[in-house]
Amino acid sequence: KLIRSSYKIFLASPLKPTIINFQIMTHAQNFNSKEEEEVYHTIILIGKSWTKNNLDTLEKYIAKEYLHTDVRGQLLNRSSFLKYVMERKQNSIVNPDIEFDDIKITIHGDFAFVTGINIFSGAAYPDKSDNSNAKRQLRFTQVLKKQNEIWQRTLFQATYINNE
């Protein structure tokens, strides 16, 4: 069953306080703990921030030791990932939607292990000219660590599913 969730996030910044409003389509989730629910909302926030190239949010929720293996097999650290997002923003590359499916969350202490599927349209990379509305799916694995009372993504790996 798909549900539409609305979120309002306030980002406190000394230069420019910002309120972000967004909606996202997800499948109904059952949580076994408050931590699972926090992790779930964090991965949704990070995913949606990627679609809109929201660097302020990503800088807050992407850990300093971040490693990201993208669908092309490229390994990015935090700095190169944020640079990639900045290039998307400079080239006006946004993804109009993102959906999450088949989410599984396992918590071990201050670490969360998350697997699932993202469905999105539009170009993913600044060097890709196809900005079509064709849906793409990828299966992901994420590791988040609770630091300073917030969950931060420390690891991400994605593989396309049945994409041409």
C-alpha atoms as a PDB file:
ATOM      1  CA  LYS A   1       0.000   0.000   0.000  1.00  0.00           C
ATOM      2  CA  LEU A   2       1.526   3.353  -1.060  1.00  0.00           C
ATOM      3  CA  ILE A   3       1.184   6.278   1.291  1.00  0.00           C
ATOM      4  CA  ARG A   4       2.076   9.941   0.794  1.00  0.00           C
ATOM      5  CA  SER A   5       4.034  11.426   3.673  1.00  0.00           C
ATOM      6  CA  SER A   6       4.602  15.134   4.162  1.00  0.00           C
ATOM      7  CA  TYR A   7       7.636  16.397   6.018  1.00  0.00           C
ATOM      8  CA  LYS A   8       8.737  19.776   7.266  1.00  0.00           C
ATOM      9  CA  ILE A   9      12.373  20.066   8.328  1.00  0.00           C
ATOM     10  CA  PHE A  10      13.931  23.143   9.938  1.00  0.00           C
ATOM     11  CA  LEU A  11      17.645  23.591   9.338  1.00  0.00           C
ATOM     12  CA  ALA A  12      19.283  26.051  11.689  1.00  0.00           C
ATOM     13  CA  SER A  13      22.176  27.817  10.044  1.00  0.00           C
ATOM     14  CA  PRO A  14      23.924  30.955  11.280  1.00  0.00           C
ATOM     15  CA  LEU A  15      23.666  32.435   7.795  1.00  0.00           C
ATOM     16  CA  LYS A  16      20.242  31.352   6.625  1.00  0.00           C
ATOM     17  CA  PRO A  17      17.665  29.368   8.618  1.00  0.00           C
ATOM     18  CA  THR A  18      15.731  27.212   6.168  1.00  0.00           C
ATOM     19  CA  ILE A  19      12.473  25.294   6.246  1.00  0.00           C
ATOM     20  CA  ILE A  20      12.191  22.435   3.761  1.00  0.00           C
ATOM     21  CA  ASN A  21       8.764  21.064   2.826  1.00  0.00           C
ATOM     22  CA  PHE A  22       8.465  17.905   0.773  1.00  0.00           C
ATOM     23  CA  GLN A  23       6.266  14.920   0.097  1.00  0.00           C
ATOM     24  CA  ILE A  24       7.352  11.425  -0.741  1.00  0.00           C
ATOM     25  CA  MET A  25       5.611   8.219  -1.782  1.00  0.00           C
ATOM     26  CA  THR A  26       6.521   5.210   0.336  1.00  0.00           C
ATOM     27  CA  HIS A  27       5.038   1.899   1.253  1.00  0.00           C
ATOM     28  CA  ALA A  28       3.507   1.689   4.712  1.00  0.00           C
ATOM     29  CA  GLN A  29       6.163   0.804   7.283  1.00  0.00           C
ATOM     30  CA  ASN A  30       5.916  -0.944  10.607  1.00  0.00           C
ATOM     31  CA  PHE A  31       8.650  -0.031  13.068  1.00  0.00           C
ATOM     32  CA  ASN A  32       9.917  -2.181  15.921  1.00  0.00           C
ATOM     33  CA  SER A  33      11.517   0.756  17.736  1.00  0.00           C
ATOM     34  CA  LYS A  34      11.846   4.531  17.860  1.00  0.00           C
ATOM     35  CA  GLU A  35      15.368   4.148  16.429  1.00  0.00           C
ATOM     36  CA  GLU A  36      14.075   2.292  13.356  1.00  0.00           C
ATOM     37  CA  GLU A  37      11.574   5.074  12.742  1.00  0.00           C
ATOM     38  CA  GLU A  38      14.314   7.733  13.105  1.00  0.00           C
ATOM     39  CA  VAL A  39      16.558   5.849  10.658  1.00  0.00           C
ATOM     40  CA  TYR A  40      13.704   5.481   8.193  1.00  0.00           C
ATOM     41  CA  HIS A  41      12.926   9.207   8.260  1.00  0.00           C
ATOM     42  CA  THR A  42      16.641   9.997   7.896  1.00  0.00           C
ATOM     43  CA  ILE A  43      17.074   7.882   4.747  1.00  0.00           C
ATOM     44  CA  ILE A  44      13.951   9.488   3.260  1.00  0.00           C
ATOM     45  CA  LEU A  45      15.327  12.945   4.068  1.00  0.00           C
ATOM     46  CA  ILE A  46      18.722  12.156   2.528  1.00  0.00           C
ATOM     47  CA  GLY A  47      17.123  10.651  -0.593  1.00  0.00           C
ATOM     48  CA  LYS A  48      14.829  13.608  -1.091  1.00  0.00           C
ATOM     49  CA  SER A  49      17.703  16.037  -0.467  1.00  0.00           C
ATOM     50  CA  TRP A  50      19.678  14.297  -3.227  1.00  0.00           C
ATOM     51  CA  THR A  51      16.780  14.726  -5.668  1.00  0.00           C
ATOM     52  CA  LYS A  52      16.690  18.474  -4.939  1.00  0.00           C
ATOM     53  CA  ASN A  53      20.489  18.922  -4.595  1.00  0.00           C
ATOM     54  CA  ASN A  54      20.031  20.288  -1.076  1.00  0.00           C
ATOM     55  CA  LEU A  55      23.628  20.586   0.079  1.00  0.00           C
ATOM     56  CA  ASP A  56      22.767  22.067   3.502  1.00  0.00           C
ATOM     57  CA  THR A  57      20.792  18.979   4.474  1.00  0.00           C
ATOM     58  CA  LEU A  58      23.274  16.543   2.963  1.00  0.00           C
ATOM     59  CA  GLU A  59      26.192  18.176   4.787  1.00  0.00           C
ATOM     60  CA  LYS A  60      24.340  17.607   8.070  1.00  0.00           C
ATOM     61  CA  TYR A  61      23.342  13.974   7.439  1.00  0.00           C
ATOM     62  CA  ILE A  62      26.406  12.677   5.550  1.00  0.00           C
ATOM     63  CA  ALA A  63      29.132  11.594   7.981  1.00  0.00           C
ATOM     64  CA  LYS A  64      32.707  12.888   7.766  1.00  0.00           C
ATOM     65  CA  GLU A  65      33.969   9.338   7.063  1.00  0.00           C
ATOM     66  CA  TYR A  66      31.362   8.715   4.332  1.00  0.00           C
ATOM     67  CA  LEU A  67      31.996   6.266   1.478  1.00  0.00           C
ATOM     68  CA  HIS A  68      29.632   5.936  -1.491  1.00  0.00           C
ATOM     69  CA  THR A  69      29.788   3.322  -4.252  1.00  0.00           C
ATOM     70  CA  ASP A  70      27.501   4.460  -7.046  1.00  0.00           C
ATOM     71  CA  VAL A  71      25.729   2.389  -9.713  1.00  0.00           C
ATOM     72  CA  ARG A  72      28.703   2.899 -12.059  1.00  0.00           C
ATOM     73  CA  GLY A  73      31.097   1.390  -9.511  1.00  0.00           C
ATOM     74  CA  GLN A  74      32.750   4.705  -8.669  1.00  0.00           C
ATOM     75  CA  LEU A  75      33.863   5.170  -5.078  1.00  0.00           C
ATOM     76  CA  LEU A  76      33.205   8.616  -3.619  1.00  0.00           C
ATOM     77  CA  ASN A  77      34.148   9.978  -0.222  1.00  0.00           C
ATOM     78  CA  ARG A  78      32.158  12.728   1.509  1.00  0.00           C
ATOM     79  CA  SER A  79      33.965  15.535  -0.292  1.00  0.00           C
ATOM     80  CA  SER A  80      33.620  14.015  -3.769  1.00  0.00           C
ATOM     81  CA  PHE A  81      29.971  13.080  -3.133  1.00  0.00           C
ATOM     82  CA  LEU A  82      29.088  16.640  -2.104  1.00  0.00           C
ATOM     83  CA  LYS A  83      31.026  17.941  -5.136  1.00  0.00           C
ATOM     84  CA  TYR A  84      28.961  15.620  -7.358  1.00  0.00           C
ATOM     85  CA  VAL A  85      25.750  17.031  -5.831  1.00  0.00           C
ATOM     86  CA  MET A  86      27.040  20.588  -6.326  1.00  0.00           C
ATOM     87  CA  GLU A  87      27.724  19.822 -10.023  1.00  0.00           C
ATOM     88  CA  ARG A  88      24.184  18.433 -10.373  1.00  0.00           C
ATOM     89  CA  LYS A  89      22.881  21.670  -8.893  1.00  0.00           C
ATOM     90  CA  GLN A  90      25.034  23.827 -11.184  1.00  0.00           C
ATOM     91  CA  ASN A  91      23.777  21.865 -14.202  1.00  0.00           C
ATOM     92  CA  SER A  92      20.135  22.071 -13.046  1.00  0.00           C
ATOM     93  CA  ILE A  93      19.862  18.291 -12.748  1.00  0.00           C
ATOM     94  CA  VAL A  94      17.061  17.346 -10.390  1.00  0.00           C
ATOM     95  CA  ASN A  95      14.977  14.251 -10.051  1.00  0.00           C
ATOM     96  CA  PRO A  96      11.278  15.045  -9.876  1.00  0.00           C
ATOM     97  CA  ASP A  97      10.449  12.141  -7.627  1.00  0.00           C
ATOM     98  CA  ILE A  98      11.931   9.346  -5.586  1.00  0.00           C
ATOM     99  CA  GLU A  99      10.158   6.373  -4.084  1.00  0.00           C
ATOM    100  CA  PHE A 100      11.353   3.923  -1.472  1.00  0.00           C
ATOM    101  CA  ASP A 101      10.329   0.268  -1.421  1.00  0.00           C
ATOM    102  CA  ASP A 102      11.240  -2.999   0.310  1.00  0.00           C
ATOM    103  CA  ILE A 103      12.973  -1.165   3.191  1.00  0.00           C
ATOM    104  CA  LYS A 104      14.573  -3.354   5.838  1.00  0.00           C
ATOM    105  CA  ILE A 105      16.276  -1.788   8.862  1.00  0.00           C
ATOM    106  CA  THR A 106      18.447  -3.558  11.414  1.00  0.00           C
ATOM    107  CA  ILE A 107      19.834  -1.683  14.416  1.00  0.00           C
ATOM    108  CA  HIS A 108      22.972  -2.770  16.305  1.00  0.00           C
ATOM    109  CA  GLY A 109      23.833  -0.224  18.993  1.00  0.00           C
ATOM    110  CA  ASP A 110      24.668   3.086  17.328  1.00  0.00           C
ATOM    111  CA  PHE A 111      24.690   1.520  13.835  1.00  0.00           C
ATOM    112  CA  ALA A 112      21.791   0.962  11.457  1.00  0.00           C
ATOM    113  CA  PHE A 113      21.954  -1.289   8.405  1.00  0.00           C
ATOM    114  CA  VAL A 114      19.371  -0.515   5.739  1.00  0.00           C
ATOM    115  CA  THR A 115      18.524  -2.246   2.464  1.00  0.00           C
ATOM    116  CA  GLY A 116      15.845  -1.272   0.002  1.00  0.00           C
ATOM    117  CA  ILE A 117      14.893  -0.094  -3.468  1.00  0.00           C
ATOM    118  CA  ASN A 118      14.779   3.436  -4.867  1.00  0.00           C
ATOM    119  CA  ILE A 119      12.647   4.261  -7.903  1.00  0.00           C
ATOM    120  CA  PHE A 120      13.314   7.608  -9.569  1.00  0.00           C
ATOM    121  CA  SER A 121      13.222   9.402 -12.912  1.00  0.00           C
ATOM    122  CA  GLY A 122      15.444  12.018 -14.524  1.00  0.00           C
ATOM    123  CA  ALA A 123      19.211  12.024 -15.002  1.00  0.00           C
ATOM    124  CA  ALA A 124      21.347  10.903 -12.090  1.00  0.00           C
ATOM    125  CA  TYR A 125      24.663  12.341 -13.280  1.00  0.00           C
ATOM    126  CA  PRO A 126      25.831  15.703 -14.680  1.00  0.00           C
ATOM    127  CA  ASP A 127      27.544  13.925 -17.605  1.00  0.00           C
ATOM    128  CA  LYS A 128      24.382  12.061 -18.654  1.00  0.00           C
ATOM    129  CA  SER A 129      22.298  13.911 -21.207  1.00  0.00           C
ATOM    130  CA  ASP A 130      19.196  11.708 -20.822  1.00  0.00           C
ATOM    131  CA  ASN A 131      16.978  13.610 -18.413  1.00  0.00           C
ATOM    132  CA  SER A 132      13.930  11.565 -19.353  1.00  0.00           C
ATOM    133  CA  ASN A 133      10.977  10.665 -17.213  1.00  0.00           C
ATOM    134  CA  ALA A 134      11.737   6.955 -17.557  1.00  0.00           C
ATOM    135  CA  LYS A 135      11.666   5.249 -14.167  1.00  0.00           C
ATOM    136  CA  ARG A 136      14.898   3.705 -12.906  1.00  0.00           C
ATOM    137  CA  GLN A 137      15.258   1.325  -9.995  1.00  0.00           C
ATOM    138  CA  LEU A 138      18.240   0.644  -7.834  1.00  0.00           C
ATOM    139  CA  ARG A 139      18.795  -1.643  -4.881  1.00  0.00           C
ATOM    140  CA  PHE A 140      20.790  -0.012  -2.099  1.00  0.00           C
ATOM    141  CA  THR A 141      22.592  -0.810   1.099  1.00  0.00           C
ATOM    142  CA  GLN A 142      23.191   1.966   3.616  1.00  0.00           C
ATOM    143  CA  VAL A 143      24.933   2.089   6.958  1.00  0.00           C
ATOM    144  CA  LEU A 144      24.072   4.905   9.352  1.00  0.00           C
ATOM    145  CA  LYS A 145      25.742   5.788  12.631  1.00  0.00           C
ATOM    146  CA  LYS A 146      24.124   7.754  15.435  1.00  0.00           C
ATOM    147  CA  GLN A 147      26.410  10.694  16.174  1.00  0.00           C
ATOM    148  CA  ASN A 148      25.509  13.705  18.321  1.00  0.00           C
ATOM    149  CA  GLU A 149      21.894  12.496  18.600  1.00  0.00           C
ATOM    150  CA  ILE A 150      21.306  12.278  14.822  1.00  0.00           C
ATOM    151  CA  TRP A 151      21.642   9.411  12.382  1.00  0.00           C
ATOM    152  CA  GLN A 152      24.285  10.094   9.719  1.00  0.00           C
ATOM    153  CA  ARG A 153      24.875   8.012   6.625  1.00  0.00           C
ATOM    154  CA  THR A 154      28.396   6.573   6.637  1.00  0.00           C
ATOM    155  CA  LEU A 155      28.141   4.110   3.755  1.00  0.00           C
ATOM    156  CA  PHE A 156      26.036   3.762   0.611  1.00  0.00           C
ATOM    157  CA  GLN A 157      26.171   1.241  -2.232  1.00  0.00           C
ATOM    158  CA  ALA A 158      23.750   1.075  -5.160  1.00  0.00           C
ATOM    159  CA  THR A 159      23.136  -1.333  -8.036  1.00  0.00           C
ATOM    160  CA  TYR A 160      20.685  -0.736 -10.889  1.00  0.00           C
ATOM    161  CA  ILE A 161      17.848  -3.239 -11.234  1.00  0.00           C
ATOM    162  CA  ASN A 162      16.665  -4.061 -14.782  1.00  0.00           C
ATOM    163  CA  ASN A 163      17.686  -0.697 -16.215  1.00  0.00           C
ATOM    164  CA  GLU A 164      18.702  -0.492 -19.821  1.00  0.00           C
END
